[in-house]
Amino acid sequence: MLQKDSETMGIPRVIFLGTGLSMQKLLREITKISGLEFVALYTTLGQSQKIEKQAHELHLHLEELKNLELPSGEKKLQQYRPDWIFSVLTPVILSPSILSIPTHGCINMHPGKLPEYAGNDVYQWAIRNGEKKFGVTLHWMTPQVDAGPIIYFKEFDISEKDTGLSLFIKCADSGTELISKALTEISQGKPLPKIEQDLRRRKIYLHRESLDGKISWKLTARQIVDFVRAGDYAPFKSPTYSPFICLKGKQIVVKKAKIAHLKGGIPGEVISINEQGIIVAAIDGTSVIFTAVELQGKGRFCGSAIASSLKIKNGDRF
C-alpha cells in the first residue's frame, strides 16, 4: 500500500534514484509492500515514458536525476525529508552532503560482486575475466564509491551463452529482489545487516577502460570469444565497446564468435574458411571462428558470406 499523506508520522519515507530496466521492475514490486511511504523518484526525465507513467500511477513525485548535482537539487531533496534513499544503477555520484540527508541512510544496488568488482561495467568484465559465477550486491553508500558495508549479496551462474546484455538482466532481476527484501525488512521495523567489505580485495573498473573494442591477438581463443560476447547487447547498442577487427583499412565489427580448435597459423591470420564463417588463429595454438560480422555501409554478413562479400581469403591477417 502506498502512503499519500506526506505528513504521516512514524511511517518511513523512501526516495528512489534510478533509470532503466531495474527501475521498471522495482516500481512494479513496491506495489506489494505496505507500511512505507514512497515519496519521489529521481530519474532521467524524458528517457522512459513507461517509468514516468509508473511513477504517476504510484503517486511519486518525479524529479530530474541530474539536479542532485546542483545546490538547488540538494535543497529540494531535503524538503522531501527522506528516511531512506535507494539508488538503482544510478550514474550520478552522490555527494557526502546528500548521503547525510536521509535519516537512516542511502542504499545502492551494485550489479556485481563486491569488493572484487567495484566500479562500472563490471558484469562485462566478469565475462571477459572468465568468471563462472557472478552476483549482485546491495550495500550502504559511503563517500567512497562501492565501498560501504554489504547488506545482501545474491550469486548466480554465468553460462557459456551469456552476453553483456543477458548478464546485466540477471543482475537487474536479482538486484530488484534484494531491494524488495530490504524494503520489506524496513517496513517490519527490522535492522538491515552491515557487513564490512575487505577492501584489500577491492578492484575498481573504470568506464574508460571498457571503451576499446579492438580485438587483441595477444588473447587466447577463449578470451577472444568472451570479449565478443561481453560486448554483445543485441538488439541494443553496447554501452561500452563493439568488438572489431581491421583488414585493409576497414573496421569489421564481430557480432558472433566461437572456439574452433583448428591449429596452425600466426595469431590474427585467417587459416580456414567454411560455411560457418572465417577461422582465425589465436595465440594459444587454437583458433576462433567469426560467424557473424558487420561492416558499416554494407550490412551484416554470416557464415560463408563473410569471406565472399568482404573478399577475405586464407592467409589474410587482421
C-alpha atoms as a PDB file:
ATOM      1  CA  MET A   1       0.000   0.000   0.000  1.00  0.00           C
ATOM      2  CA  LEU A   2       1.375   3.422  -0.965  1.00  0.00           C
ATOM      3  CA  GLN A   3       1.006   6.204   1.559  1.00  0.00           C
ATOM      4  CA  LYS A   4      -0.214   9.524   0.062  1.00  0.00           C
ATOM      5  CA  ASP A   5      -0.211  11.726   3.172  1.00  0.00           C
ATOM      6  CA  SER A   6       3.172  13.477   3.245  1.00  0.00           C
ATOM      7  CA  GLU A   7       2.617  14.404   6.875  1.00  0.00           C
ATOM      8  CA  THR A   8       2.099  10.818   8.018  1.00  0.00           C
ATOM      9  CA  MET A   9       4.155  10.346  11.159  1.00  0.00           C
ATOM     10  CA  GLY A  10       6.122   7.235  12.006  1.00  0.00           C
ATOM     11  CA  ILE A  11       5.988   5.721   8.541  1.00  0.00           C
ATOM     12  CA  PRO A  12       9.424   5.531   6.870  1.00  0.00           C
ATOM     13  CA  ARG A  13       9.702   7.823   3.847  1.00  0.00           C
ATOM     14  CA  VAL A  14      11.549   6.360   0.859  1.00  0.00           C
ATOM     15  CA  ILE A  15      13.019   8.044  -2.210  1.00  0.00           C
ATOM     16  CA  PHE A  16      14.293   6.191  -5.269  1.00  0.00           C
ATOM     17  CA  LEU A  17      17.035   7.166  -7.706  1.00  0.00           C
ATOM     18  CA  GLY A  18      17.346   5.239 -10.927  1.00  0.00           C
ATOM     19  CA  THR A  19      16.634   4.560 -14.574  1.00  0.00           C
ATOM     20  CA  GLY A  20      16.167   1.676 -16.969  1.00  0.00           C
ATOM     21  CA  LEU A  21      15.044  -1.907 -16.643  1.00  0.00           C
ATOM     22  CA  SER A  22      15.809  -2.300 -12.938  1.00  0.00           C
ATOM     23  CA  MET A  23      13.778   0.768 -12.034  1.00  0.00           C
ATOM     24  CA  GLN A  24      10.817  -0.504 -14.046  1.00  0.00           C
ATOM     25  CA  LYS A  25      10.967  -3.831 -12.242  1.00  0.00           C
ATOM     26  CA  LEU A  26      11.268  -2.208  -8.837  1.00  0.00           C
ATOM     27  CA  LEU A  27       8.301   0.111  -9.393  1.00  0.00           C
ATOM     28  CA  ARG A  28       6.199  -2.979 -10.075  1.00  0.00           C
ATOM     29  CA  GLU A  29       7.462  -4.686  -6.939  1.00  0.00           C
ATOM     30  CA  ILE A  30       6.805  -1.865  -4.459  1.00  0.00           C
ATOM     31  CA  THR A  31       3.053  -2.149  -5.043  1.00  0.00           C
ATOM     32  CA  LYS A  32       3.279  -5.346  -2.974  1.00  0.00           C
ATOM     33  CA  ILE A  33       4.933  -3.657   0.017  1.00  0.00           C
ATOM     34  CA  SER A  34       2.941  -1.907   2.753  1.00  0.00           C
ATOM     35  CA  GLY A  35       3.996   0.174   5.728  1.00  0.00           C
ATOM     36  CA  LEU A  36       6.233   2.555   3.791  1.00  0.00           C
ATOM     37  CA  GLU A  37       5.661   5.941   2.188  1.00  0.00           C
ATOM     38  CA  PHE A  38       7.183   6.059  -1.291  1.00  0.00           C
ATOM     39  CA  VAL A  39       7.717   9.746  -1.884  1.00  0.00           C
ATOM     40  CA  ALA A  40       9.658  10.504  -5.053  1.00  0.00           C
ATOM     41  CA  LEU A  41      11.631   9.127  -7.966  1.00  0.00           C
ATOM     42  CA  TYR A  42      14.716  10.848  -9.336  1.00  0.00           C
ATOM     43  CA  THR A  43      15.261   9.661 -12.896  1.00  0.00           C
ATOM     44  CA  THR A  44      16.342  10.913 -16.307  1.00  0.00           C
ATOM     45  CA  LEU A  45      13.185  12.720 -17.369  1.00  0.00           C
ATOM     46  CA  GLY A  46      12.141  12.121 -20.947  1.00  0.00           C
ATOM     47  CA  GLN A  47      14.144   8.912 -21.243  1.00  0.00           C
ATOM     48  CA  SER A  48      11.396   6.419 -20.394  1.00  0.00           C
ATOM     49  CA  GLN A  49       7.699   7.141 -20.738  1.00  0.00           C
ATOM     50  CA  LYS A  50       6.987   3.789 -19.102  1.00  0.00           C
ATOM     51  CA  ILE A  51       8.885   4.673 -15.925  1.00  0.00           C
ATOM     52  CA  GLU A  52       7.257   8.103 -15.729  1.00  0.00           C
ATOM     53  CA  LYS A  53       3.807   6.546 -16.228  1.00  0.00           C
ATOM     54  CA  GLN A  54       4.504   4.021 -13.464  1.00  0.00           C
ATOM     55  CA  ALA A  55       5.652   6.816 -11.149  1.00  0.00           C
ATOM     56  CA  HIS A  56       2.498   8.837 -11.767  1.00  0.00           C
ATOM     57  CA  GLU A  57       0.324   5.792 -11.077  1.00  0.00           C
ATOM     58  CA  LEU A  58       2.168   5.295  -7.779  1.00  0.00           C
ATOM     59  CA  HIS A  59       1.751   8.984  -6.872  1.00  0.00           C
ATOM     60  CA  LEU A  60       5.510   9.525  -6.797  1.00  0.00           C
ATOM     61  CA  HIS A  61       6.908  12.992  -7.328  1.00  0.00           C
ATOM     62  CA  LEU A  62       9.151  12.957 -10.417  1.00  0.00           C
ATOM     63  CA  GLU A  63      12.463  14.793 -10.316  1.00  0.00           C
ATOM     64  CA  GLU A  64      15.379  15.121 -12.732  1.00  0.00           C
ATOM     65  CA  LEU A  65      18.242  12.921 -11.523  1.00  0.00           C
ATOM     66  CA  LYS A  66      20.992  15.301 -12.612  1.00  0.00           C
ATOM     67  CA  ASN A  67      19.510  18.048 -10.423  1.00  0.00           C
ATOM     68  CA  LEU A  68      21.132  16.273  -7.484  1.00  0.00           C
ATOM     69  CA  GLU A  69      24.429  17.674  -8.744  1.00  0.00           C
ATOM     70  CA  LEU A  70      23.113  21.215  -8.143  1.00  0.00           C
ATOM     71  CA  PRO A  71      22.663  23.083  -4.814  1.00  0.00           C
ATOM     72  CA  SER A  72      19.007  23.687  -5.711  1.00  0.00           C
ATOM     73  CA  GLY A  73      18.508  19.966  -6.284  1.00  0.00           C
ATOM     74  CA  GLU A  74      20.023  19.102  -2.933  1.00  0.00           C
ATOM     75  CA  LYS A  75      17.746  21.633  -1.224  1.00  0.00           C
ATOM     76  CA  LYS A  76      14.695  20.109  -2.917  1.00  0.00           C
ATOM     77  CA  LEU A  77      15.733  16.651  -1.762  1.00  0.00           C
ATOM     78  CA  GLN A  78      15.973  17.902   1.820  1.00  0.00           C
ATOM     79  CA  GLN A  79      12.408  19.196   1.585  1.00  0.00           C
ATOM     80  CA  TYR A  80      11.171  15.657   0.929  1.00  0.00           C
ATOM     81  CA  ARG A  81      12.534  14.638   4.369  1.00  0.00           C
ATOM     82  CA  PRO A  82      13.539  11.107   3.342  1.00  0.00           C
ATOM     83  CA  ASP A  83      14.309   8.412   5.864  1.00  0.00           C
ATOM     84  CA  TRP A  84      15.805   6.197   3.168  1.00  0.00           C
ATOM     85  CA  ILE A  85      17.261   6.681  -0.304  1.00  0.00           C
ATOM     86  CA  PHE A  86      17.606   3.699  -2.646  1.00  0.00           C
ATOM     87  CA  SER A  87      19.890   4.097  -5.667  1.00  0.00           C
ATOM     88  CA  VAL A  88      19.261   1.717  -8.553  1.00  0.00           C
ATOM     89  CA  LEU A  89      22.063   1.721 -11.148  1.00  0.00           C
ATOM     90  CA  THR A  90      22.371   5.489 -10.842  1.00  0.00           C
ATOM     91  CA  PRO A  91      25.058   7.220 -12.941  1.00  0.00           C
ATOM     92  CA  VAL A  92      25.189  10.203 -10.576  1.00  0.00           C
ATOM     93  CA  ILE A  93      27.726  10.025  -7.726  1.00  0.00           C
ATOM     94  CA  LEU A  94      26.092  11.407  -4.592  1.00  0.00           C
ATOM     95  CA  SER A  95      27.989  13.998  -2.577  1.00  0.00           C
ATOM     96  CA  PRO A  96      28.706  13.432   1.135  1.00  0.00           C
ATOM     97  CA  SER A  97      26.159  16.136   1.985  1.00  0.00           C
ATOM     98  CA  ILE A  98      23.415  14.305   0.059  1.00  0.00           C
ATOM     99  CA  LEU A  99      24.379  10.995   1.657  1.00  0.00           C
ATOM    100  CA  SER A 100      23.786  12.616   5.046  1.00  0.00           C
ATOM    101  CA  ILE A 101      20.245  13.784   4.242  1.00  0.00           C
ATOM    102  CA  PRO A 102      18.177  10.616   4.854  1.00  0.00           C
ATOM    103  CA  THR A 103      17.557   9.760   8.498  1.00  0.00           C
ATOM    104  CA  HIS A 104      18.610   6.130   8.210  1.00  0.00           C
ATOM    105  CA  GLY A 105      20.899   6.056   5.185  1.00  0.00           C
ATOM    106  CA  CYS A 106      21.425   5.600   1.461  1.00  0.00           C
ATOM    107  CA  ILE A 107      21.476   2.152  -0.126  1.00  0.00           C
ATOM    108  CA  ASN A 108      22.841   1.211  -3.530  1.00  0.00           C
ATOM    109  CA  MET A 109      22.183  -1.739  -5.816  1.00  0.00           C
ATOM    110  CA  HIS A 110      25.507  -2.653  -7.441  1.00  0.00           C
ATOM    111  CA  PRO A 111      25.397  -5.039 -10.445  1.00  0.00           C
ATOM    112  CA  GLY A 112      28.434  -7.002  -9.355  1.00  0.00           C
ATOM    113  CA  LYS A 113      30.312  -8.767  -6.610  1.00  0.00           C
ATOM    114  CA  LEU A 114      31.985  -6.557  -4.007  1.00  0.00           C
ATOM    115  CA  PRO A 115      34.723  -5.799  -3.205  1.00  0.00           C
ATOM    116  CA  GLU A 116      36.245  -7.596  -6.212  1.00  0.00           C
ATOM    117  CA  TYR A 117      34.119  -5.867  -8.852  1.00  0.00           C
ATOM    118  CA  ALA A 118      33.645  -2.211  -7.873  1.00  0.00           C
ATOM    119  CA  GLY A 119      33.117   0.499 -10.460  1.00  0.00           C
ATOM    120  CA  ASN A 120      31.464   0.467 -13.889  1.00  0.00           C
ATOM    121  CA  ASP A 121      30.509  -2.158 -16.472  1.00  0.00           C
ATOM    122  CA  VAL A 122      31.621  -4.903 -14.105  1.00  0.00           C
ATOM    123  CA  TYR A 123      29.271  -7.584 -15.465  1.00  0.00           C
ATOM    124  CA  GLN A 124      31.074  -7.224 -18.809  1.00  0.00           C
ATOM    125  CA  TRP A 125      34.393  -7.632 -17.035  1.00  0.00           C
ATOM    126  CA  ALA A 126      33.147 -10.757 -15.296  1.00  0.00           C
ATOM    127  CA  ILE A 127      32.637 -12.383 -18.713  1.00  0.00           C
ATOM    128  CA  ARG A 128      35.941 -11.046 -20.025  1.00  0.00           C
ATOM    129  CA  ASN A 129      37.747 -12.369 -16.960  1.00  0.00           C
ATOM    130  CA  GLY A 130      36.344 -15.857 -17.456  1.00  0.00           C
ATOM    131  CA  GLU A 131      34.237 -15.926 -14.285  1.00  0.00           C
ATOM    132  CA  LYS A 132      31.852 -18.848 -13.915  1.00  0.00           C
ATOM    133  CA  LYS A 133      29.800 -17.199 -11.175  1.00  0.00           C
ATOM    134  CA  PHE A 134      28.806 -13.627 -10.515  1.00  0.00           C
ATOM    135  CA  GLY A 135      26.322 -11.754  -8.375  1.00  0.00           C
ATOM    136  CA  VAL A 136      24.665  -8.526  -7.353  1.00  0.00           C
ATOM    137  CA  THR A 137      25.292  -6.610  -4.122  1.00  0.00           C
ATOM    138  CA  LEU A 138      23.081  -4.346  -2.028  1.00  0.00           C
ATOM    139  CA  HIS A 139      25.246  -2.107   0.132  1.00  0.00           C
ATOM    140  CA  TRP A 140      25.248   1.011   2.278  1.00  0.00           C
ATOM    141  CA  MET A 141      26.513   4.077   0.448  1.00  0.00           C
ATOM    142  CA  THR A 142      29.559   5.964   1.710  1.00  0.00           C
ATOM    143  CA  PRO A 143      31.638   8.783   0.177  1.00  0.00           C
ATOM    144  CA  GLN A 144      33.975   6.091  -1.185  1.00  0.00           C
ATOM    145  CA  VAL A 145      32.144   4.600  -4.178  1.00  0.00           C
ATOM    146  CA  ASP A 146      31.030   0.940  -3.853  1.00  0.00           C
ATOM    147  CA  ALA A 147      32.929   0.586  -0.569  1.00  0.00           C
ATOM    148  CA  GLY A 148      30.149   0.682   2.028  1.00  0.00           C
ATOM    149  CA  PRO A 149      29.091  -2.269   4.206  1.00  0.00           C
ATOM    150  CA  ILE A 150      27.216  -5.055   2.436  1.00  0.00           C
ATOM    151  CA  ILE A 151      23.563  -5.686   3.207  1.00  0.00           C
ATOM    152  CA  TYR A 152      22.809  -8.607   0.895  1.00  0.00           C
ATOM    153  CA  PHE A 153      24.573 -10.471  -1.902  1.00  0.00           C
ATOM    154  CA  LYS A 154      22.986 -12.856  -4.391  1.00  0.00           C
ATOM    155  CA  GLU A 155      25.144 -15.148  -6.533  1.00  0.00           C
ATOM    156  CA  PHE A 156      24.251 -16.811  -9.834  1.00  0.00           C
ATOM    157  CA  ASP A 157      25.971 -18.751 -12.620  1.00  0.00           C
ATOM    158  CA  ILE A 158      27.413 -17.268 -15.788  1.00  0.00           C
ATOM    159  CA  SER A 159      26.572 -19.612 -18.662  1.00  0.00           C
ATOM    160  CA  GLU A 160      28.543 -20.122 -21.866  1.00  0.00           C
ATOM    161  CA  LYS A 161      25.702 -18.387 -23.711  1.00  0.00           C
ATOM    162  CA  ASP A 162      25.552 -15.283 -21.526  1.00  0.00           C
ATOM    163  CA  THR A 163      26.252 -11.952 -23.202  1.00  0.00           C
ATOM    164  CA  GLY A 164      26.805  -8.494 -21.754  1.00  0.00           C
ATOM    165  CA  LEU A 165      23.072  -7.881 -22.032  1.00  0.00           C
ATOM    166  CA  SER A 166      21.858 -11.173 -20.596  1.00  0.00           C
ATOM    167  CA  LEU A 167      24.193 -10.933 -17.608  1.00  0.00           C
ATOM    168  CA  PHE A 168      23.049  -7.356 -16.989  1.00  0.00           C
ATOM    169  CA  ILE A 169      19.440  -8.596 -16.971  1.00  0.00           C
ATOM    170  CA  LYS A 170      20.366 -11.284 -14.431  1.00  0.00           C
ATOM    171  CA  CYS A 171      21.860  -8.541 -12.261  1.00  0.00           C
ATOM    172  CA  ALA A 172      18.756  -6.374 -12.677  1.00  0.00           C
ATOM    173  CA  ASP A 173      16.404  -9.213 -11.731  1.00  0.00           C
ATOM    174  CA  SER A 174      18.430 -10.294  -8.701  1.00  0.00           C
ATOM    175  CA  GLY A 175      19.041  -6.723  -7.591  1.00  0.00           C
ATOM    176  CA  THR A 176      15.329  -5.952  -7.650  1.00  0.00           C
ATOM    177  CA  GLU A 177      14.739  -8.969  -5.415  1.00  0.00           C
ATOM    178  CA  LEU A 178      17.315  -7.704  -2.919  1.00  0.00           C
ATOM    179  CA  ILE A 179      15.821  -4.204  -2.791  1.00  0.00           C
ATOM    180  CA  SER A 180      12.331  -5.641  -2.287  1.00  0.00           C
ATOM    181  CA  LYS A 181      13.704  -7.785   0.528  1.00  0.00           C
ATOM    182  CA  ALA A 182      15.333  -4.757   2.184  1.00  0.00           C
ATOM    183  CA  LEU A 183      12.184  -2.643   1.856  1.00  0.00           C
ATOM    184  CA  THR A 184      10.118  -5.434   3.418  1.00  0.00           C
ATOM    185  CA  GLU A 185      12.546  -5.675   6.335  1.00  0.00           C
ATOM    186  CA  ILE A 186      12.388  -1.907   6.839  1.00  0.00           C
ATOM    187  CA  SER A 187       8.572  -1.957   6.738  1.00  0.00           C
ATOM    188  CA  GLN A 188       8.643  -4.557   9.516  1.00  0.00           C
ATOM    189  CA  GLY A 189      10.991  -2.488  11.648  1.00  0.00           C
ATOM    190  CA  LYS A 190      13.921  -4.860  11.253  1.00  0.00           C
ATOM    191  CA  PRO A 191      17.505  -3.568  11.052  1.00  0.00           C
ATOM    192  CA  LEU A 192      19.454  -4.173   7.852  1.00  0.00           C
ATOM    193  CA  PRO A 193      22.809  -6.002   8.040  1.00  0.00           C
ATOM    194  CA  LYS A 194      26.122  -4.145   7.854  1.00  0.00           C
ATOM    195  CA  ILE A 195      28.903  -6.469   6.740  1.00  0.00           C
ATOM    196  CA  GLU A 196      32.156  -4.590   6.280  1.00  0.00           C
ATOM    197  CA  GLN A 197      33.974  -5.167   2.995  1.00  0.00           C
ATOM    198  CA  ASP A 198      37.530  -6.431   2.929  1.00  0.00           C
ATOM    199  CA  LEU A 199      38.894  -3.546   0.880  1.00  0.00           C
ATOM    200  CA  ARG A 200      42.227  -5.329   0.475  1.00  0.00           C
ATOM    201  CA  ARG A 201      40.440  -7.405  -2.188  1.00  0.00           C
ATOM    202  CA  ARG A 202      38.945  -4.326  -3.848  1.00  0.00           C
ATOM    203  CA  LYS A 203      39.259  -3.891  -7.612  1.00  0.00           C
ATOM    204  CA  ILE A 204      37.813  -0.824  -9.338  1.00  0.00           C
ATOM    205  CA  TYR A 205      36.847  -0.905 -13.019  1.00  0.00           C
ATOM    206  CA  LEU A 206      36.610   2.461 -14.764  1.00  0.00           C
ATOM    207  CA  HIS A 207      34.283   3.180 -17.685  1.00  0.00           C
ATOM    208  CA  ARG A 208      37.118   4.498 -19.846  1.00  0.00           C
ATOM    209  CA  GLU A 209      38.855   1.134 -19.505  1.00  0.00           C
ATOM    210  CA  SER A 210      35.875  -0.528 -21.223  1.00  0.00           C
ATOM    211  CA  LEU A 211      35.718   1.515 -24.415  1.00  0.00           C
ATOM    212  CA  ASP A 212      38.378  -0.070 -26.651  1.00  0.00           C
ATOM    213  CA  GLY A 213      36.718  -2.720 -28.811  1.00  0.00           C
ATOM    214  CA  LYS A 214      39.705  -3.740 -30.923  1.00  0.00           C
ATOM    215  CA  ILE A 215      40.323  -7.479 -30.632  1.00  0.00           C
ATOM    216  CA  SER A 216      43.846  -8.155 -29.436  1.00  0.00           C
ATOM    217  CA  TRP A 217      45.713 -11.103 -30.923  1.00  0.00           C
ATOM    218  CA  LYS A 218      47.540 -11.466 -27.629  1.00  0.00           C
ATOM    219  CA  LEU A 219      44.368 -13.075 -26.296  1.00  0.00           C
ATOM    220  CA  THR A 220      43.624 -16.801 -26.320  1.00  0.00           C
ATOM    221  CA  ALA A 221      40.728 -18.159 -28.360  1.00  0.00           C
ATOM    222  CA  ARG A 222      38.652 -18.435 -25.191  1.00  0.00           C
ATOM    223  CA  GLN A 223      39.419 -14.847 -24.235  1.00  0.00           C
ATOM    224  CA  ILE A 224      38.503 -13.573 -27.705  1.00  0.00           C
ATOM    225  CA  VAL A 225      35.145 -15.351 -27.611  1.00  0.00           C
ATOM    226  CA  ASP A 226      34.464 -13.957 -24.122  1.00  0.00           C
ATOM    227  CA  PHE A 227      35.463 -10.465 -25.273  1.00  0.00           C
ATOM    228  CA  VAL A 228      32.983 -10.678 -28.154  1.00  0.00           C
ATOM    229  CA  ARG A 229      30.062 -11.895 -26.064  1.00  0.00           C
ATOM    230  CA  ALA A 230      30.736  -9.403 -23.261  1.00  0.00           C
ATOM    231  CA  GLY A 231      30.239  -6.597 -25.777  1.00  0.00           C
ATOM    232  CA  ASP A 232      27.090  -8.176 -27.226  1.00  0.00           C
ATOM    233  CA  TYR A 233      23.943  -6.205 -26.337  1.00  0.00           C
ATOM    234  CA  ALA A 234      21.887  -7.181 -29.374  1.00  0.00           C
ATOM    235  CA  PRO A 235      19.413  -5.889 -30.336  1.00  0.00           C
ATOM    236  CA  PHE A 236      20.590  -2.798 -28.426  1.00  0.00           C
ATOM    237  CA  LYS A 237      23.778  -0.779 -28.737  1.00  0.00           C
ATOM    238  CA  SER A 238      26.543  -1.671 -26.309  1.00  0.00           C
ATOM    239  CA  PRO A 239      27.078   0.976 -23.590  1.00  0.00           C
ATOM    240  CA  THR A 240      30.824   0.465 -23.907  1.00  0.00           C
ATOM    241  CA  TYR A 241      32.504  -1.193 -26.900  1.00  0.00           C
ATOM    242  CA  SER A 242      31.692  -3.115 -30.036  1.00  0.00           C
ATOM    243  CA  PRO A 243      34.386  -5.758 -30.751  1.00  0.00           C
ATOM    244  CA  PHE A 244      36.102  -5.260 -34.092  1.00  0.00           C
ATOM    245  CA  ILE A 245      38.944  -6.401 -36.333  1.00  0.00           C
ATOM    246  CA  CYS A 246      40.722  -4.447 -39.073  1.00  0.00           C
ATOM    247  CA  LEU A 247      41.551  -5.569 -42.607  1.00  0.00           C
ATOM    248  CA  LYS A 248      42.878  -3.385 -45.422  1.00  0.00           C
ATOM    249  CA  GLY A 249      41.831  -0.225 -43.639  1.00  0.00           C
ATOM    250  CA  LYS A 250      38.309  -1.491 -42.980  1.00  0.00           C
ATOM    251  CA  GLN A 251      36.882  -1.888 -39.485  1.00  0.00           C
ATOM    252  CA  ILE A 252      34.789  -5.047 -39.243  1.00  0.00           C
ATOM    253  CA  VAL A 253      32.537  -5.434 -36.203  1.00  0.00           C
ATOM    254  CA  VAL A 254      32.394  -9.000 -34.881  1.00  0.00           C
ATOM    255  CA  LYS A 255      28.894  -9.949 -33.748  1.00  0.00           C
ATOM    256  CA  LYS A 256      29.319 -13.657 -33.000  1.00  0.00           C
ATOM    257  CA  ALA A 257      32.327 -15.899 -32.362  1.00  0.00           C
ATOM    258  CA  LYS A 258      33.123 -19.342 -31.004  1.00  0.00           C
ATOM    259  CA  ILE A 259      36.171 -21.519 -30.415  1.00  0.00           C
ATOM    260  CA  ALA A 260      37.208 -23.504 -33.493  1.00  0.00           C
ATOM    261  CA  HIS A 261      40.043 -25.754 -32.156  1.00  0.00           C
ATOM    262  CA  LEU A 262      41.796 -25.694 -35.533  1.00  0.00           C
ATOM    263  CA  LYS A 263      45.563 -25.378 -35.070  1.00  0.00           C
ATOM    264  CA  GLY A 264      48.234 -23.570 -37.051  1.00  0.00           C
ATOM    265  CA  GLY A 265      48.895 -20.083 -38.344  1.00  0.00           C
ATOM    266  CA  ILE A 266      50.092 -16.822 -36.826  1.00  0.00           C
ATOM    267  CA  PRO A 267      47.774 -15.073 -34.329  1.00  0.00           C
ATOM    268  CA  GLY A 268      45.326 -12.974 -36.323  1.00  0.00           C
ATOM    269  CA  GLU A 269      45.780 -14.969 -39.547  1.00  0.00           C
ATOM    270  CA  VAL A 270      42.840 -16.469 -41.464  1.00  0.00           C
ATOM    271  CA  ILE A 271      43.619 -20.188 -41.575  1.00  0.00           C
ATOM    272  CA  SER A 272      40.363 -21.563 -42.959  1.00  0.00           C
ATOM    273  CA  ILE A 273      37.041 -20.534 -44.466  1.00  0.00           C
ATOM    274  CA  ASN A 274      33.904 -22.669 -44.341  1.00  0.00           C
ATOM    275  CA  GLU A 275      30.119 -22.441 -44.351  1.00  0.00           C
ATOM    276  CA  GLN A 276      30.102 -21.252 -40.719  1.00  0.00           C
ATOM    277  CA  GLY A 277      32.458 -18.313 -41.204  1.00  0.00           C
ATOM    278  CA  ILE A 278      36.168 -17.471 -41.103  1.00  0.00           C
ATOM    279  CA  ILE A 279      38.591 -19.254 -38.784  1.00  0.00           C
ATOM    280  CA  VAL A 280      41.416 -17.158 -37.349  1.00  0.00           C
ATOM    281  CA  ALA A 281      44.464 -18.354 -35.423  1.00  0.00           C
ATOM    282  CA  ALA A 282      44.824 -17.348 -31.762  1.00  0.00           C
ATOM    283  CA  ILE A 283      47.929 -17.077 -29.617  1.00  0.00           C
ATOM    284  CA  ASP A 284      47.348 -20.286 -27.664  1.00  0.00           C
ATOM    285  CA  GLY A 285      47.720 -22.533 -30.701  1.00  0.00           C
ATOM    286  CA  THR A 286      43.983 -22.922 -31.244  1.00  0.00           C
ATOM    287  CA  SER A 287      41.638 -20.675 -33.199  1.00  0.00           C
ATOM    288  CA  VAL A 288      38.384 -18.751 -33.194  1.00  0.00           C
ATOM    289  CA  ILE A 289      35.654 -18.699 -35.817  1.00  0.00           C
ATOM    290  CA  PHE A 290      33.777 -15.485 -36.554  1.00  0.00           C
ATOM    291  CA  THR A 291      30.272 -16.489 -37.630  1.00  0.00           C
ATOM    292  CA  ALA A 292      28.615 -13.071 -37.929  1.00  0.00           C
ATOM    293  CA  VAL A 293      30.100  -9.644 -38.652  1.00  0.00           C
ATOM    294  CA  GLU A 294      29.007  -6.170 -39.709  1.00  0.00           C
ATOM    295  CA  LEU A 295      30.663  -3.641 -41.982  1.00  0.00           C
ATOM    296  CA  GLN A 296      29.444  -0.075 -41.873  1.00  0.00           C
ATOM    297  CA  GLY A 297      27.557   0.801 -45.022  1.00  0.00           C
ATOM    298  CA  LYS A 298      27.492  -2.828 -46.160  1.00  0.00           C
ATOM    299  CA  GLY A 299      25.348  -4.526 -43.526  1.00  0.00           C
ATOM    300  CA  ARG A 300      25.566  -7.837 -41.683  1.00  0.00           C
ATOM    301  CA  PHE A 301      27.183 -10.987 -43.064  1.00  0.00           C
ATOM    302  CA  CYS A 302      27.014 -14.520 -41.698  1.00  0.00           C
ATOM    303  CA  GLY A 303      28.716 -17.835 -42.481  1.00  0.00           C
ATOM    304  CA  SER A 304      30.341 -18.224 -45.876  1.00  0.00           C
ATOM    305  CA  ALA A 305      29.058 -14.792 -46.949  1.00  0.00           C
ATOM    306  CA  ILE A 306      31.620 -13.157 -44.653  1.00  0.00           C
ATOM    307  CA  ALA A 307      34.576 -14.182 -46.802  1.00  0.00           C
ATOM    308  CA  SER A 308      32.881 -13.866 -50.183  1.00  0.00           C
ATOM    309  CA  SER A 309      31.275 -10.487 -49.535  1.00  0.00           C
ATOM    310  CA  LEU A 310      34.241  -8.894 -47.755  1.00  0.00           C
ATOM    311  CA  LYS A 311      36.814 -10.530 -50.060  1.00  0.00           C
ATOM    312  CA  ILE A 312      38.611 -12.291 -47.222  1.00  0.00           C
ATOM    313  CA  LYS A 313      40.928 -15.168 -48.131  1.00  0.00           C
ATOM    314  CA  ASN A 314      43.213 -17.655 -46.407  1.00  0.00           C
ATOM    315  CA  GLY A 315      46.434 -16.013 -45.275  1.00  0.00           C
ATOM    316  CA  ASP A 316      44.893 -12.584 -44.627  1.00  0.00           C
ATOM    317  CA  ARG A 317      45.940 -11.101 -41.299  1.00  0.00           C
ATOM    318  CA  PHE A 318      43.825  -8.889 -39.092  1.00  0.00           C
END
